[in-house]
Protein backbone atom coordinates (compact mmCIF):
# COMPACT_ATOMS: atom_id res chain seq x y z
CA UNK A 1 -39.72 -52.34 32.74
CA UNK A 2 -42.92 -53.48 32.28
CA UNK A 3 -43.61 -54.27 28.64
CA UNK A 4 -46.88 -53.43 26.45
CA UNK A 5 -45.42 -53.96 22.96
CA UNK A 6 -42.41 -56.12 22.06
CA UNK A 7 -41.29 -55.69 18.12
CA UNK A 8 -39.38 -58.36 16.76
CA UNK A 9 -37.06 -57.10 14.41
CA UNK A 10 -35.85 -53.55 13.78
CA UNK A 11 -35.47 -52.81 10.10
CA UNK A 12 -37.36 -50.36 7.96
CA UNK A 13 -40.77 -51.48 9.46
CA UNK A 14 -40.09 -52.63 12.86
CA UNK A 15 -38.25 -49.60 14.13
CA UNK A 16 -40.89 -46.98 12.98
CA UNK A 17 -43.70 -49.47 14.18
CA UNK A 18 -41.95 -49.45 17.45
CA UNK A 19 -41.41 -45.70 17.71
CA UNK A 20 -44.96 -44.96 16.61
CA UNK A 21 -46.49 -47.20 19.45
CA UNK A 22 -43.86 -45.66 22.21
CA UNK A 23 -44.85 -42.36 20.98
CA UNK A 24 -48.46 -43.21 21.59
CA UNK A 25 -48.21 -43.97 25.09
CA UNK A 26 -47.05 -47.85 25.03
CA UNK A 27 -44.03 -49.25 26.90
CA UNK A 28 -42.13 -50.76 24.02
CA UNK A 29 -39.18 -53.16 23.85
CA UNK A 30 -37.59 -53.08 20.48
CA UNK A 31 -35.44 -56.52 19.55
CA UNK A 32 -32.90 -57.20 17.10
CA UNK A 33 -30.49 -60.13 17.17
CA UNK A 34 -27.77 -58.00 15.02
CA UNK A 35 -25.80 -55.99 17.67
CA UNK A 36 -24.70 -53.43 15.02
CA UNK A 37 -28.27 -52.68 14.24
CA UNK A 38 -29.05 -51.85 17.74
CA UNK A 39 -25.91 -49.70 18.04
CA UNK A 40 -26.69 -47.85 14.79
CA UNK A 41 -30.26 -47.07 16.05
CA UNK A 42 -28.78 -45.55 19.54
CA UNK A 43 -26.00 -43.59 17.61
CA UNK A 44 -28.36 -42.20 14.72
CA UNK A 45 -31.52 -42.85 15.55
CA UNK A 46 -32.66 -44.44 11.96
CA UNK A 47 -31.74 -44.34 8.35
CA UNK A 48 -30.47 -40.97 7.19
CA UNK A 49 -33.11 -40.80 4.40
CA UNK A 50 -35.63 -40.78 7.03
CA UNK A 51 -34.69 -37.70 9.35
CA UNK A 52 -38.50 -37.64 11.13
CA UNK A 53 -38.05 -40.97 12.22
CA UNK A 54 -34.46 -40.54 13.78
CA UNK A 55 -35.71 -37.51 15.63
CA UNK A 56 -38.90 -39.55 16.80
CA UNK A 57 -36.80 -42.54 17.76
CA UNK A 58 -34.10 -40.48 19.74
CA UNK A 59 -37.14 -38.88 21.50
CA UNK A 60 -38.66 -42.24 22.48
CA UNK A 61 -35.13 -43.53 23.62
CA UNK A 62 -34.60 -40.47 25.68
CA UNK A 63 -38.14 -40.54 27.64
CA UNK A 64 -37.75 -44.48 28.24
CA UNK A 65 -40.88 -45.48 26.20
CA UNK A 66 -38.80 -47.32 23.64
CA UNK A 67 -35.96 -49.80 24.73
CA UNK A 68 -33.81 -51.74 22.98
CA UNK A 69 -32.40 -55.42 23.20
CA UNK A 70 -31.33 -58.29 21.68
CA UNK A 71 -33.83 -60.78 23.10
CA UNK A 72 -37.67 -60.52 23.84
CA UNK A 73 -39.22 -60.17 27.28
CA UNK A 74 -42.79 -60.72 28.51
CA UNK A 75 -45.20 -58.54 26.97
CA UNK A 76 -49.04 -58.26 26.30
CA UNK A 77 -48.30 -57.87 22.25
CA UNK A 78 -45.45 -59.33 20.23
CA UNK A 79 -45.03 -58.06 16.75
CA UNK A 80 -43.07 -59.77 14.17
CA UNK A 81 -41.39 -57.36 11.58
CA UNK A 82 -38.93 -59.61 9.92
CA UNK A 83 -37.61 -60.36 6.30
CA UNK A 84 -39.06 -62.82 3.89
CA UNK A 85 -36.58 -62.75 1.17
CA UNK A 86 -36.79 -65.09 -2.05
CA UNK A 87 -34.73 -68.44 -1.98
CA UNK A 88 -32.97 -69.18 -5.28
CA UNK A 89 -36.08 -71.50 -6.29
CA UNK A 90 -38.07 -68.41 -6.06
CA UNK A 91 -39.89 -69.53 -2.95
CA UNK A 92 -40.31 -67.63 0.28
CA UNK A 93 -37.50 -67.91 2.87
CA UNK A 94 -39.65 -68.23 6.25
CA UNK A 95 -36.75 -68.86 8.19
CA UNK A 96 -36.34 -65.44 9.99
CA UNK A 97 -40.03 -65.62 10.82
CA UNK A 98 -39.70 -69.10 12.47
CA UNK A 99 -36.67 -67.88 14.31
CA UNK A 100 -38.65 -64.98 15.27
CA UNK A 101 -41.41 -66.97 16.79
CA UNK A 102 -38.91 -69.35 18.14
CA UNK A 103 -37.55 -66.64 20.45
CA UNK A 104 -41.02 -65.14 21.66
CA UNK A 105 -42.39 -68.50 22.55
CA UNK A 106 -40.91 -68.92 25.91
CA UNK A 107 -42.40 -65.46 26.98
CA UNK A 108 -45.93 -65.80 25.56
CA UNK A 109 -48.89 -66.23 28.01
CA UNK A 110 -52.34 -66.70 27.71
CA UNK A 111 -54.25 -63.81 26.95
CA UNK A 112 -51.27 -62.23 24.74
CA UNK A 113 -51.35 -61.31 20.87
CA UNK A 114 -49.03 -62.01 18.40
CA UNK A 115 -48.97 -60.03 15.12
CA UNK A 116 -47.08 -60.84 11.88
CA UNK A 117 -46.22 -57.94 9.71
CA UNK A 118 -43.71 -59.93 7.62
CA UNK A 119 -45.07 -60.25 4.06
CA UNK A 120 -45.67 -64.33 3.54
CA UNK A 121 -47.31 -66.76 1.48
CA UNK A 122 -51.33 -67.28 2.06
CA UNK A 123 -51.72 -69.50 4.82
CA UNK A 124 -48.91 -68.90 6.65
CA UNK A 125 -50.76 -67.46 9.72
CA UNK A 126 -52.95 -70.03 10.01
CA UNK A 127 -50.45 -72.42 9.27
CA UNK A 128 -46.79 -72.16 10.33
CA UNK A 129 -47.60 -69.68 13.15
CA UNK A 130 -50.60 -71.34 14.64
CA UNK A 131 -48.94 -74.87 14.71
CA UNK A 132 -45.55 -73.20 16.20
CA UNK A 133 -47.92 -71.88 19.23
CA UNK A 134 -49.90 -75.23 19.24
CA UNK A 135 -46.31 -76.84 19.79
CA UNK A 136 -46.06 -74.72 23.01
CA UNK A 137 -49.59 -76.21 24.30
CA UNK A 138 -51.49 -72.97 23.35
CA UNK A 139 -54.99 -73.10 21.52
CA UNK A 140 -54.42 -70.43 18.83
CA UNK A 141 -58.13 -69.65 18.60
CA UNK A 142 -58.70 -69.49 22.35
CA UNK A 143 -55.59 -68.80 24.42
CA UNK A 144 -54.08 -66.29 22.07
CA UNK A 145 -54.83 -63.54 19.35
CA UNK A 146 -53.13 -64.37 16.26
CA UNK A 147 -53.09 -61.57 13.78
CA UNK A 148 -51.56 -60.70 10.16
CA UNK A 149 -51.48 -56.97 9.72
CA UNK A 150 -49.19 -56.14 6.62
CA UNK A 151 -47.63 -52.61 6.23
CA UNK A 152 -48.06 -50.50 3.15
CA UNK A 153 -45.49 -47.78 3.30
CA UNK A 154 -42.96 -46.74 1.01
CA UNK A 155 -39.27 -45.88 1.93
CA UNK A 156 -38.53 -42.07 2.51
CA UNK A 157 -42.17 -41.39 3.41
CA UNK A 158 -42.59 -44.18 6.19
CA UNK A 159 -44.17 -42.21 9.10
CA UNK A 160 -46.64 -40.36 7.03
CA UNK A 161 -47.73 -43.35 5.43
CA UNK A 162 -47.75 -45.39 8.79
CA UNK A 163 -50.40 -42.77 9.96
CA UNK A 164 -52.49 -42.11 7.34
CA UNK A 165 -52.85 -45.17 4.91
CA UNK A 166 -55.46 -47.45 5.44
CA UNK A 167 -54.62 -50.86 7.24
CA UNK A 168 -55.94 -54.38 6.97
CA UNK A 169 -56.05 -56.45 10.46
CA UNK A 170 -56.47 -60.34 9.45
CA UNK A 171 -57.33 -62.13 12.66
CA UNK A 172 -57.55 -65.84 13.26
CA UNK A 173 -60.60 -65.06 14.96
CA UNK A 174 -63.04 -62.01 14.39
CA UNK A 175 -62.05 -60.96 18.17
CA UNK A 176 -58.14 -61.03 17.31
CA UNK A 177 -58.96 -58.90 14.35
CA UNK A 178 -60.65 -56.50 16.63
CA UNK A 179 -58.41 -56.15 19.02
CA UNK A 180 -55.49 -55.56 16.53
CA UNK A 181 -57.81 -52.79 15.20
CA UNK A 182 -57.92 -51.30 18.94
CA UNK A 183 -54.33 -51.51 19.00
CA UNK A 184 -53.40 -49.77 15.97
CA UNK A 185 -55.75 -47.12 16.13
CA UNK A 186 -53.62 -45.36 18.58
CA UNK A 187 -51.79 -43.89 15.56
CA UNK A 188 -53.49 -44.79 12.33
CA UNK A 189 -55.72 -42.43 11.15
CA UNK A 190 -56.75 -44.11 8.27
CA UNK A 191 -59.66 -46.57 7.88
CA UNK A 192 -58.69 -49.91 9.42
CA UNK A 193 -60.56 -52.80 7.53
CA UNK A 194 -60.98 -56.24 9.27
CA UNK A 195 -60.87 -59.54 7.90
CA UNK A 196 -59.35 -63.09 8.35
CA UNK A 197 -55.52 -63.90 8.49
CA UNK A 198 -55.33 -65.69 5.04
CA UNK A 199 -57.29 -62.98 3.19
CA UNK A 200 -55.00 -60.09 4.58
CA UNK A 201 -51.97 -62.15 3.64
CA UNK A 202 -53.26 -62.59 -0.22
CA UNK A 203 -54.50 -58.92 -0.02
CA UNK A 204 -50.86 -57.64 0.57
CA UNK A 205 -49.47 -60.03 -2.13
CA UNK A 206 -52.41 -58.65 -4.56
CA UNK A 207 -51.51 -55.06 -3.90
CA UNK A 208 -47.88 -55.49 -5.14
CA UNK A 209 -48.74 -58.18 -7.73
CA UNK A 210 -50.95 -55.48 -9.53
CA UNK A 211 -47.92 -53.20 -9.53
CA UNK A 212 -45.95 -55.73 -10.93
CA UNK A 213 -48.33 -56.64 -13.83
CA UNK A 214 -48.90 -53.14 -14.88
CA UNK A 215 -44.96 -52.36 -14.90
CA UNK A 216 -44.55 -55.47 -17.03
CA UNK A 217 -47.11 -54.15 -19.45
CA UNK A 218 -45.28 -50.71 -19.74
CA UNK A 219 -41.87 -52.49 -20.01
CA UNK A 220 -43.15 -55.15 -22.82
CA UNK A 221 -44.52 -51.93 -24.73
CA UNK A 222 -41.09 -50.43 -24.43
CA UNK A 223 -39.44 -53.48 -26.20
CA UNK A 224 -42.12 -53.78 -28.70
CA UNK A 225 -41.58 -49.75 -29.47
CA UNK A 226 -37.88 -50.39 -29.78
CA UNK A 227 -38.77 -52.84 -32.71
CA UNK A 228 -41.69 -50.89 -34.43
CA UNK A 229 -39.47 -47.63 -34.22
CA UNK A 230 -41.63 -45.68 -31.84
CA UNK A 231 -40.89 -43.59 -28.91
CA UNK A 232 -42.71 -45.12 -26.20
CA UNK A 233 -42.71 -41.99 -23.88
CA UNK A 234 -44.36 -40.37 -26.64
CA UNK A 235 -47.05 -43.26 -27.30
CA UNK A 236 -47.96 -43.76 -23.74
CA UNK A 237 -48.40 -39.99 -23.09
CA UNK A 238 -50.85 -39.81 -25.95
CA UNK A 239 -52.46 -43.04 -25.08
CA UNK A 240 -52.98 -41.66 -21.50
CA UNK A 241 -55.18 -39.00 -22.78
CA UNK A 242 -57.93 -41.41 -23.05
CA UNK A 243 -60.26 -41.05 -19.77
CA UNK A 244 -60.03 -44.57 -19.08
CA UNK A 245 -56.48 -45.33 -19.66
CA UNK A 246 -53.63 -44.63 -17.28
CA UNK A 247 -50.34 -46.74 -18.55
CA UNK A 248 -47.19 -46.51 -16.69
CA UNK A 249 -44.03 -45.55 -17.98
CA UNK A 250 -40.96 -48.34 -18.65
CA UNK A 251 -37.99 -48.58 -17.05
CA UNK A 252 -34.80 -50.97 -16.50
CA UNK A 253 -36.81 -53.48 -14.24
CA UNK A 254 -38.30 -53.99 -10.71
CA UNK A 255 -36.55 -53.92 -7.56
CA UNK A 256 -37.18 -53.37 -3.96
CA UNK A 257 -38.24 -55.43 -1.22
CA UNK A 258 -41.79 -55.89 -2.47
CA UNK A 259 -42.70 -55.67 -5.98
CA UNK A 260 -39.93 -57.99 -7.19
CA UNK A 261 -40.72 -60.37 -4.37
CA UNK A 262 -44.32 -60.57 -3.51
CA UNK A 263 -45.82 -62.01 -6.70
CA UNK A 264 -43.55 -65.21 -6.15
CA UNK A 265 -45.39 -65.87 -3.05
CA UNK A 266 -48.71 -66.34 -4.86
CA UNK A 267 -47.03 -67.96 -7.80
CA UNK A 268 -45.51 -70.68 -5.35
CA UNK A 269 -48.63 -71.54 -3.67
CA UNK A 270 -50.93 -71.35 -6.85
CA UNK A 271 -50.02 -74.52 -8.63
CA UNK A 272 -49.32 -73.48 -11.88
CA UNK A 273 -52.43 -71.49 -12.04
CA UNK A 274 -50.83 -67.74 -11.54
CA UNK A 275 -49.73 -67.54 -15.23
CA UNK A 276 -50.08 -63.72 -15.72
CA UNK A 277 -47.99 -63.09 -12.51
CA UNK A 278 -45.60 -65.43 -13.68
CA UNK A 279 -45.10 -63.74 -17.13
CA UNK A 280 -45.23 -60.29 -15.49
CA UNK A 281 -42.13 -61.48 -13.33
CA UNK A 282 -40.42 -62.85 -16.55
CA UNK A 283 -40.96 -59.56 -18.44
CA UNK A 284 -39.49 -57.35 -15.54
CA UNK A 285 -36.73 -59.75 -14.55
CA UNK A 286 -35.41 -59.61 -18.44
CA UNK A 287 -35.33 -55.43 -18.76
CA UNK A 288 -31.86 -55.51 -17.35
CA UNK A 289 -30.96 -57.67 -20.25
CA UNK A 290 -32.68 -55.18 -22.78
CA UNK A 291 -30.51 -52.40 -21.25
CA UNK A 292 -27.39 -54.31 -21.84
CA UNK A 293 -28.66 -55.32 -25.55
CA UNK A 294 -29.12 -51.31 -26.05
CA UNK A 295 -25.71 -50.56 -24.78
CA UNK A 296 -24.52 -53.12 -27.51
CA UNK A 297 -26.24 -51.29 -29.99
CA UNK A 298 -24.43 -47.99 -28.85
CA UNK A 299 -21.12 -49.44 -28.60
CA UNK A 300 -20.68 -52.74 -30.47
CA UNK A 301 -18.95 -55.41 -28.73
CA UNK A 302 -18.57 -54.55 -25.10
CA UNK A 303 -15.32 -56.58 -24.20
CA UNK A 304 -12.89 -54.13 -22.91
CA UNK A 305 -15.34 -51.12 -23.41
CA UNK A 306 -15.68 -48.86 -20.29
CA UNK A 307 -19.06 -48.15 -19.15
CA UNK A 308 -20.29 -45.82 -16.13
CA UNK A 309 -23.46 -47.33 -14.16
CA UNK A 310 -25.04 -44.35 -12.18
CA UNK A 311 -27.08 -45.71 -9.44
CA UNK A 312 -27.31 -49.12 -7.93
CA UNK A 313 -30.38 -48.13 -5.74
CA UNK A 314 -33.71 -49.70 -6.77
CA UNK A 315 -35.25 -46.75 -6.99
CA UNK A 316 -34.38 -42.82 -6.85
CA UNK A 317 -33.30 -41.11 -3.75
CA UNK A 318 -33.01 -43.88 -1.27
CA UNK A 319 -30.25 -46.31 -0.35
CA UNK A 320 -31.93 -49.37 -0.55
CA UNK A 321 -30.46 -51.75 -3.46
CA UNK A 322 -32.37 -54.89 -2.86
CA UNK A 323 -33.40 -56.62 -6.07
CA UNK A 324 -32.20 -53.81 -7.88
CA UNK A 325 -32.07 -54.07 -11.45
CA UNK A 326 -29.03 -52.16 -11.63
CA UNK A 327 -27.09 -54.84 -10.04
CA UNK A 328 -28.41 -57.27 -12.92
CA UNK A 329 -27.24 -54.68 -15.42
CA UNK A 330 -23.72 -54.91 -14.09
CA UNK A 331 -23.91 -58.68 -13.96
CA UNK A 332 -24.69 -59.13 -17.84
CA UNK A 333 -21.82 -56.06 -18.45
CA UNK A 334 -19.40 -58.20 -16.53
CA UNK A 335 -20.31 -61.39 -18.71
CA UNK A 336 -19.71 -59.58 -21.80
CA UNK A 337 -16.27 -58.34 -20.75
CA UNK A 338 -17.36 -54.90 -20.36
CA UNK A 339 -15.02 -52.63 -17.67
CA UNK A 340 -17.64 -51.04 -15.42
CA UNK A 341 -17.68 -48.63 -12.60
CA UNK A 342 -20.64 -47.49 -10.63
CA UNK A 343 -21.35 -44.68 -8.41
CA UNK A 344 -24.37 -44.13 -6.02
CA UNK A 345 -24.36 -41.26 -3.64
CA UNK A 346 -27.12 -42.85 -1.20
CA UNK A 347 -25.78 -46.30 -1.02
CA UNK A 348 -23.59 -46.68 1.85
CA UNK A 349 -23.07 -50.59 2.16
CA UNK A 350 -22.93 -51.88 -1.39
CA UNK A 351 -22.79 -55.25 -2.63
CA UNK A 352 -20.64 -54.20 -5.70
CA UNK A 353 -17.45 -51.69 -5.49
CA UNK A 354 -18.39 -47.94 -5.78
CA UNK A 355 -16.14 -45.16 -6.84
CA UNK A 356 -16.83 -41.30 -6.86
CA UNK A 357 -18.91 -39.63 -9.68
CA UNK A 358 -15.38 -38.40 -11.13
CA UNK A 359 -13.79 -41.73 -11.21
CA UNK A 360 -16.92 -43.49 -12.70
CA UNK A 361 -17.14 -41.28 -15.79
CA UNK A 362 -13.18 -40.69 -16.25
CA UNK A 363 -12.54 -42.13 -19.81
CA UNK A 364 -15.61 -44.22 -20.16
CA UNK A 365 -17.36 -45.14 -23.42
CA UNK A 366 -20.87 -44.91 -22.18
CA UNK A 367 -22.95 -43.75 -19.39
CA UNK A 368 -25.96 -45.73 -18.22
CA UNK A 369 -28.24 -43.82 -15.97
CA UNK A 370 -30.03 -46.83 -13.99
CA UNK A 371 -31.37 -45.00 -11.05
CA UNK A 372 -33.41 -41.64 -10.96
CA UNK A 373 -31.53 -39.94 -8.33
CA UNK A 374 -32.18 -36.14 -8.29
CA UNK A 375 -28.46 -35.56 -7.89
CA UNK A 376 -27.79 -36.83 -11.51
CA UNK A 377 -30.28 -34.09 -12.82
CA UNK A 378 -27.41 -31.74 -12.26
CA UNK A 379 -24.83 -33.69 -14.41
CA UNK A 380 -23.21 -30.93 -16.80
CA UNK A 381 -23.08 -32.51 -20.36
CA UNK A 382 -20.77 -29.86 -21.47
CA UNK A 383 -18.35 -30.52 -18.53
CA UNK A 384 -18.53 -34.38 -18.66
CA UNK A 385 -17.88 -34.03 -22.38
CA UNK A 386 -14.13 -33.20 -21.75
CA UNK A 387 -13.77 -36.39 -19.30
CA UNK A 388 -15.23 -39.36 -21.51
CA UNK A 389 -13.80 -41.26 -24.07
CA UNK A 390 -17.04 -40.96 -26.17
CA UNK A 391 -20.08 -38.85 -25.87
CA UNK A 392 -22.82 -41.71 -25.47
CA UNK A 393 -25.34 -41.91 -22.86
CA UNK A 394 -28.51 -44.15 -22.15
CA UNK A 395 -30.94 -42.79 -19.74
CA UNK A 396 -33.23 -46.02 -18.48
CA UNK A 397 -35.27 -43.56 -16.17
CA UNK A 398 -36.01 -40.71 -18.90
CA UNK A 399 -35.00 -37.96 -16.08
CA UNK A 400 -32.44 -36.00 -18.29
CA UNK A 401 -33.08 -33.55 -21.01
CA UNK A 402 -32.53 -34.76 -24.37
CA UNK A 403 -31.98 -31.38 -25.98
CA UNK A 404 -29.19 -30.38 -23.48
CA UNK A 405 -27.07 -33.52 -24.12
CA UNK A 406 -27.60 -33.43 -28.09
CA UNK A 407 -26.91 -29.79 -28.19
CA UNK A 408 -23.59 -30.72 -26.31
CA UNK A 409 -22.57 -33.17 -28.85
CA UNK A 410 -23.64 -36.47 -27.12
CA UNK A 411 -25.43 -39.65 -28.61
CA UNK A 412 -28.40 -39.77 -26.58
CA UNK A 413 -30.69 -42.72 -25.95
CA UNK A 414 -34.04 -43.23 -23.89
CA UNK A 415 -34.68 -46.67 -23.12
CA UNK A 416 -37.69 -47.61 -25.22
CA UNK A 417 -37.19 -44.89 -28.05
CA UNK A 418 -37.47 -46.79 -31.30
CA UNK A 419 -37.42 -43.63 -33.32
CA UNK A 420 -33.71 -42.91 -32.36
CA UNK A 421 -32.62 -46.54 -32.13
């Protein structure tokens, strides 16, 4: 197989990226070091919540435009789509990126293009990536085209957003950025903006930091509203009637691979100057504690009390639990001696034990709705009232209809509703 594009890492970005290039006329090799990942792709085509992706991948595998393997091969373009998790010290773990680069260095030749899609601290492409290719005897600005090209997609809507959202191509040289633009133009219908690599890295982080700061404002308002005896949901709805105000609504915290992580990559490099971002992270990370404090208000001492946590995914209708506030809620319940059970219909491989919805709710003193899965809208308050020990429910996502639950005799609380607290 003559490979045009070699994609390293077949996670939620790498796999659809590989499939899109294969669909648009390129010969693509998708590489992942985990044999179980390759086996799952061959069996299912992709995640269950991305049925269009599964169909696309199966078609590309069938016609041979996409092949899978455990190690790279020579290609014209290498694209790194690897995780960059947080270390315990809240700094970027770039080991996956380094290992990915190490794996492709034996196959790189003059004239190749290396594209990093992984979210990284500013200066990584110009620093780490360039130094690694220099170590192999290449001039990173003359022999190769090095580019940072971040993704912007949302799980459960990946293919549509890969095609239609604007993209930014940050090259170590203007020519590298232009070449990357021409490559991605095969399937990107949005505008492709060119800049330098470090600016592109910063832009990616800024986008998610902006969202994190705005969520933190909403969450801080929710905490204040509880103290003031105000319903934050009513207050925000009224405030948003102003033509230049658009406040978000609060929740139990921030999760996922981006918003809860990316601000730390700027904080890490800021030398203490990113004070607003750091405070936003503190506010959002504190929300699970506020949820458990509200549980204590409803139940008193939590030791020995039975609590059902509905949802451990970080957002509704997906199975992704990375950085999920639900996990922090569970940790704090455990610290206080509560007897918790968790249920999530979308999570298949869980970091905590999961049980059926029936087992989770049987005999509990409190239900905490921690994730806004659509399936939880189908809960019947009358039917559940016969199974629980106490009719108490805390809706941290504001998805249930209070009047229906209160009519069925439940003590119902929204997170941020100080009028009912």
